[in-house]
Amino acid sequence: MLFHDRKQAAGLLAERLAPYRGRRPLLLGLPRAGVVMAREMAGELAGDVDVLLVRKLRAPDRREIAIGAVTEDGSLFLPRRLDVPPAYVEEEKREALAALRSQRALYTPRRRAACPAGRIAIVVDDGITAGVGADAVLRALRRAGPARLIVA
């Protein structure tokens, strides 16, 4: 389905999620377009909005290839057994966490990440593909204990 713009797409998603209107859902946008859409949807659904941050871990020999991902809370996701030294993974994780802290400071300088525990958490992006980043954020969110987890 094609959309005129992200605002239209967010409006249509909000219509589909109307049963959650007024239940104060937490809309978690993936940078950058997902944040714009989540903000729009939060208004429609009378919910709260926050940014959802994840960083890919790069392969040592081919930096453009992701070998895993880390979320803002430090959760590490390595999808398969790798022939990569643990020290390399730890260094990549350390660098990724520093980058995530910088991103958080840019997006929400005066507060910490919103807690999804016990809430309806809706992950929003303008196009989510299956991959290490998506897997990492969904696994981390599940561990945080939302009442319901939805990908939009």
Protein backbone atom coordinates (compact mmCIF):
# COMPACT_ATOMS: atom_id res chain seq x y z
CA MET A 1 0.00 0.00 0.00
CA LEU A 2 1.34 3.44 -0.92
CA PHE A 3 0.76 6.53 1.19
CA HIS A 4 0.81 10.21 0.36
CA ASP A 5 3.14 10.84 3.29
CA ARG A 6 4.01 9.52 6.76
CA LYS A 7 1.29 11.61 8.37
CA GLN A 8 -1.34 9.83 6.29
CA ALA A 9 0.21 6.45 7.09
CA ALA A 10 0.25 7.29 10.81
CA GLY A 11 -3.41 8.34 10.66
CA LEU A 12 -4.39 5.07 9.00
CA LEU A 13 -2.40 3.07 11.54
CA ALA A 14 -4.05 5.00 14.37
CA GLU A 15 -7.47 4.10 12.90
CA ARG A 16 -6.51 0.41 12.92
CA LEU A 17 -5.35 0.76 16.53
CA ALA A 18 -8.49 2.62 17.65
CA PRO A 19 -9.36 -0.04 20.26
CA TYR A 20 -6.35 1.22 22.25
CA ARG A 21 -7.49 4.88 22.16
CA GLY A 22 -7.79 6.29 25.65
CA ARG A 23 -5.92 3.38 27.23
CA ARG A 24 -2.74 5.48 27.34
CA PRO A 25 -0.66 3.32 25.01
CA LEU A 26 3.07 3.94 24.80
CA LEU A 27 4.08 4.59 21.19
CA LEU A 28 7.75 3.85 20.64
CA GLY A 29 9.13 5.29 17.43
CA LEU A 30 12.27 4.05 15.73
CA PRO A 31 14.41 6.97 14.50
CA ARG A 32 13.82 8.94 12.50
CA ALA A 33 10.60 8.44 10.55
CA GLY A 34 9.10 6.15 13.17
CA VAL A 35 9.41 8.91 15.77
CA VAL A 36 7.48 11.32 13.55
CA MET A 37 4.78 8.73 12.98
CA ALA A 38 4.61 7.74 16.67
CA ARG A 39 4.13 11.37 17.67
CA GLU A 40 1.25 11.70 15.22
CA MET A 41 -0.32 8.45 16.38
CA ALA A 42 0.05 9.33 20.08
CA GLY A 43 -2.14 12.37 19.52
CA GLU A 44 -4.79 10.26 17.79
CA LEU A 45 -4.71 7.51 20.43
CA ALA A 46 -4.30 9.73 23.52
CA GLY A 47 -1.06 7.96 24.31
CA ASP A 48 2.50 8.77 25.27
CA VAL A 49 5.41 8.77 22.85
CA ASP A 50 9.09 7.95 23.18
CA VAL A 51 11.97 7.00 20.94
CA LEU A 52 13.11 3.38 20.74
CA LEU A 53 16.85 3.06 20.28
CA VAL A 54 18.89 0.14 18.98
CA ARG A 55 22.34 -0.10 17.43
CA LYS A 56 23.73 -2.80 15.18
CA LEU A 57 27.03 -4.48 16.00
CA ARG A 58 29.35 -4.55 13.00
CA ALA A 59 31.33 -7.50 11.67
CA PRO A 60 35.08 -7.06 12.20
CA ASP A 61 36.04 -7.68 8.59
CA ARG A 62 32.98 -6.18 6.85
CA ARG A 63 31.72 -3.24 8.93
CA GLU A 64 28.59 -2.84 6.79
CA ILE A 65 27.33 -6.27 7.91
CA ALA A 66 25.49 -6.60 11.22
CA ILE A 67 26.47 -9.50 13.47
CA GLY A 68 24.05 -8.52 16.21
CA ALA A 69 22.49 -5.58 17.99
CA VAL A 70 22.34 -3.93 21.38
CA THR A 71 19.46 -1.99 22.90
CA GLU A 72 19.59 1.02 25.13
CA ASP A 73 19.22 -1.08 28.27
CA GLY A 74 22.33 -3.06 27.30
CA SER A 75 20.50 -6.13 26.02
CA LEU A 76 22.69 -7.91 23.52
CA PHE A 77 21.26 -9.94 20.66
CA LEU A 78 23.53 -12.21 18.65
CA PRO A 79 21.34 -14.26 16.32
CA ARG A 80 23.75 -17.10 15.73
CA ARG A 81 27.03 -18.51 16.90
CA LEU A 82 29.79 -16.41 15.42
CA ASP A 83 33.47 -16.87 14.92
CA VAL A 84 34.16 -13.47 16.47
CA PRO A 85 36.31 -12.98 19.55
CA PRO A 86 34.25 -12.12 22.65
CA ALA A 87 36.53 -9.11 23.28
CA TYR A 88 35.56 -7.72 19.87
CA VAL A 89 31.85 -8.14 20.65
CA GLU A 90 32.30 -6.38 24.00
CA GLU A 91 34.13 -3.46 22.36
CA GLU A 92 31.40 -3.13 19.72
CA LYS A 93 28.78 -3.22 22.47
CA ARG A 94 30.61 -0.54 24.46
CA GLU A 95 30.80 1.73 21.41
CA ALA A 96 27.16 1.07 20.55
CA LEU A 97 26.01 1.92 24.08
CA ALA A 98 27.96 5.19 24.00
CA ALA A 99 26.28 6.06 20.69
CA LEU A 100 22.86 5.17 22.13
CA ARG A 101 23.46 7.42 25.17
CA SER A 102 24.30 10.27 22.79
CA GLN A 103 21.16 9.61 20.77
CA ARG A 104 19.00 9.55 23.92
CA ALA A 105 20.50 12.88 25.00
CA LEU A 106 19.53 14.36 21.62
CA TYR A 107 15.98 13.00 21.56
CA THR A 108 14.98 13.36 25.23
CA PRO A 109 17.64 15.40 27.07
CA ARG A 110 15.60 15.93 30.22
CA ARG A 111 14.33 12.45 30.90
CA ARG A 112 15.08 8.75 30.73
CA ALA A 113 13.43 6.26 28.40
CA ALA A 114 9.77 5.55 29.12
CA CYS A 115 9.07 2.27 30.91
CA PRO A 116 6.74 -0.09 28.99
CA ALA A 117 6.05 -2.40 31.98
CA GLY A 118 2.34 -3.10 32.29
CA ARG A 119 1.46 -0.84 29.35
CA ILE A 120 0.32 -1.34 25.80
CA ALA A 121 3.57 -0.79 23.88
CA ILE A 122 3.29 0.00 20.17
CA VAL A 123 6.52 -0.04 18.15
CA VAL A 124 6.25 2.34 15.19
CA ASP A 125 8.37 2.72 12.07
CA ASP A 126 7.78 3.63 8.45
CA GLY A 127 8.95 0.18 7.42
CA ILE A 128 10.24 -2.57 9.65
CA THR A 129 12.27 -5.35 8.12
CA ALA A 130 13.16 -8.58 9.82
CA GLY A 131 16.67 -8.20 11.09
CA VAL A 132 18.88 -8.07 14.11
CA GLY A 133 17.73 -4.58 15.13
CA ALA A 134 14.03 -5.42 15.07
CA ASP A 135 14.64 -8.72 16.90
CA ALA A 136 16.72 -6.98 19.55
CA VAL A 137 14.18 -4.27 20.36
CA LEU A 138 11.26 -6.69 20.46
CA ARG A 139 13.11 -9.13 22.74
CA ALA A 140 14.16 -6.29 25.07
CA LEU A 141 10.63 -4.91 25.16
CA ARG A 142 9.16 -8.34 25.96
CA ARG A 143 11.54 -8.64 28.91
CA ALA A 144 10.37 -5.23 30.15
CA GLY A 145 6.89 -6.73 30.63
CA PRO A 146 4.40 -4.72 28.59
CA ALA A 147 0.75 -5.74 28.93
CA ARG A 148 0.67 -5.99 25.13
CA LEU A 149 3.33 -5.55 22.44
CA ILE A 150 2.28 -4.40 18.98
CA VAL A 151 4.37 -3.63 15.90
CA ALA A 152 2.89 -0.98 13.60
